Protein backbone atom coordinates (compact mmCIF):
# COMPACT_ATOMS: atom_id res chain seq x y z
CA MET A 1 6.44 9.63 4.17
CA LYS A 2 4.49 9.06 7.39
CA ARG A 3 1.63 11.35 6.86
CA ASP A 4 1.06 9.54 3.51
CA VAL A 5 0.79 6.16 5.31
CA THR A 6 -1.09 7.73 8.41
CA GLU A 7 -3.70 9.01 5.63
CA GLY A 8 -3.75 5.89 3.79
CA ILE A 9 -4.28 3.87 6.86
CA ARG A 10 -7.34 6.24 7.92
CA SER A 11 -8.96 5.65 4.59
CA ARG A 12 -8.61 2.05 4.37
CA PHE A 13 -10.08 1.24 7.93
CA ASP A 14 -12.32 4.35 8.25
CA MET A 15 -10.47 6.02 11.40
CA ASP A 16 -10.29 9.53 12.81
CA VAL A 17 -6.96 9.46 13.90
CA VAL A 18 -3.82 6.69 14.00
CA SER A 19 -1.63 6.86 16.63
CA GLU A 20 1.90 7.64 16.20
CA ARG A 21 2.86 4.01 17.61
CA SER A 22 0.72 2.40 14.69
CA VAL A 23 2.22 4.47 12.02
CA GLU A 24 5.58 3.58 13.16
CA ALA A 25 4.97 -0.03 13.83
CA ALA A 26 3.48 0.12 9.60
CA VAL A 27 6.46 1.83 8.32
CA GLN A 28 8.92 -0.52 10.19
CA ARG A 29 7.11 -4.03 9.78
CA GLY A 30 4.45 -3.07 7.18
CA ARG A 31 1.90 -4.49 9.41
CA VAL A 32 -0.30 -2.49 11.79
CA ARG A 33 -2.45 -4.07 14.64
CA LEU A 34 -5.93 -2.55 14.53
CA PHE A 35 -9.47 -3.89 15.84
CA GLY A 36 -7.52 -6.64 17.55
CA LYS A 37 -5.85 -8.07 14.37
CA ASP A 38 -2.67 -7.29 12.46
CA HIS A 39 -3.47 -6.00 9.20
CA ASP A 40 -0.75 -5.88 6.11
CA VAL A 41 -0.02 -2.25 5.06
CA ALA A 42 2.80 -2.83 3.44
CA ASP A 43 1.48 -1.27 -0.15
CA LEU A 44 0.62 1.78 1.79
CA VAL A 45 4.40 2.07 2.98
CA THR A 46 5.52 1.20 -0.87
CA MET A 47 3.44 3.51 -2.16
CA ALA A 48 4.76 6.74 0.54
CA GLN A 49 7.90 5.41 -0.50
CA ARG A 50 7.93 5.81 -4.25
CA GLN A 51 6.22 9.40 -3.62
CA LEU A 52 9.84 10.43 -2.42
CA GLY A 53 11.17 9.14 -5.66
CA ARG A 54 14.98 8.83 -6.19
CA GLY A 55 15.72 12.40 -4.77
CA ALA A 56 17.69 13.07 -8.02
CA GLU A 57 16.57 16.71 -8.19
CA LEU A 58 17.54 17.21 -4.59
CA GLU A 59 20.93 18.58 -3.37
CA HIS A 60 20.90 16.73 -0.03
CA ILE A 61 18.37 14.53 1.54
CA LEU A 62 18.58 15.32 5.56
CA PHE A 63 16.70 12.72 8.09
CA VAL A 64 16.16 14.05 10.94
CA GLY A 65 13.47 13.44 14.04
CA GLY A 66 13.17 10.42 16.24
CA GLY A 67 11.65 8.17 13.54
CA THR A 68 14.94 8.79 11.69
CA VAL A 69 16.84 6.61 14.91
CA ALA A 70 13.76 3.82 14.83
CA LEU A 71 14.22 3.41 11.28
CA ALA A 72 17.81 3.73 10.76
CA ALA A 73 18.50 0.21 9.55
CA HIS A 74 15.39 0.66 6.89
CA ILE A 75 16.30 4.16 5.24
CA ARG A 76 20.55 3.17 5.30
CA ASP A 77 20.61 3.23 1.40
CA TRP A 78 17.47 4.82 0.17
CA PHE A 79 18.85 7.82 -1.61
CA VAL A 80 22.68 8.41 -2.94
CA ASN A 81 22.52 11.84 -1.63
CA GLN A 82 21.45 10.95 2.03
CA ALA A 83 22.52 12.20 5.12
CA VAL A 84 21.46 11.37 8.78
CA ALA A 85 21.69 14.49 11.07
CA GLU A 86 24.01 14.27 14.11
CA HIS A 87 21.59 13.41 16.99
CA PRO A 88 18.46 13.09 14.60
CA ALA A 89 16.13 12.66 17.86
CA PHE A 90 16.97 16.24 18.44
CA ALA A 91 17.46 17.88 15.23
CA ASN A 92 14.07 19.23 14.74
CA ALA A 93 13.94 21.07 18.38
CA ARG A 94 17.34 22.40 17.19
CA GLY A 95 15.96 23.67 14.43
CA MET A 96 13.13 25.28 16.08
CA LEU A 97 15.43 26.97 18.10
CA LYS A 98 17.47 28.16 15.43
CA TYR A 99 14.28 29.61 13.62
CA LEU A 100 13.13 31.42 16.88
CA ARG A 101 16.15 32.89 17.48
CA TYR A 102 16.44 34.26 13.90
CA VAL A 103 12.54 35.44 14.22
CA CYS A 104 13.47 36.92 17.37
CA ASP A 105 16.64 38.66 16.37
CA ALA A 106 14.49 40.07 13.12
CA SER A 107 11.49 41.48 15.33
CA ASN A 108 14.11 43.39 17.80
CA ALA A 109 15.93 44.94 14.68
CA ALA A 110 13.21 46.46 13.58
């Protein structure tokens, strides 16, 4: 979702790069401050959310990452089958570590 919001902001305001902080503000408040002015981008956020659909075809929807912590109040009831990872801010790092161990174990076995 954040990637879609980022691309929408980049396109709308003809920008090469959009900061993570600006994207977080856009997702949380539907507004972003650029060029010294506040801009309403709620439509971009809504469109990105719609692309997620209802998640009916997915077994589980697991929220991870620091954005989960920042957006907890906003994502509370998005999906019937959603869950928030334990310590979500570190979930991506734990997953990468598990993957690295898996890859290293596989290469050592070969």
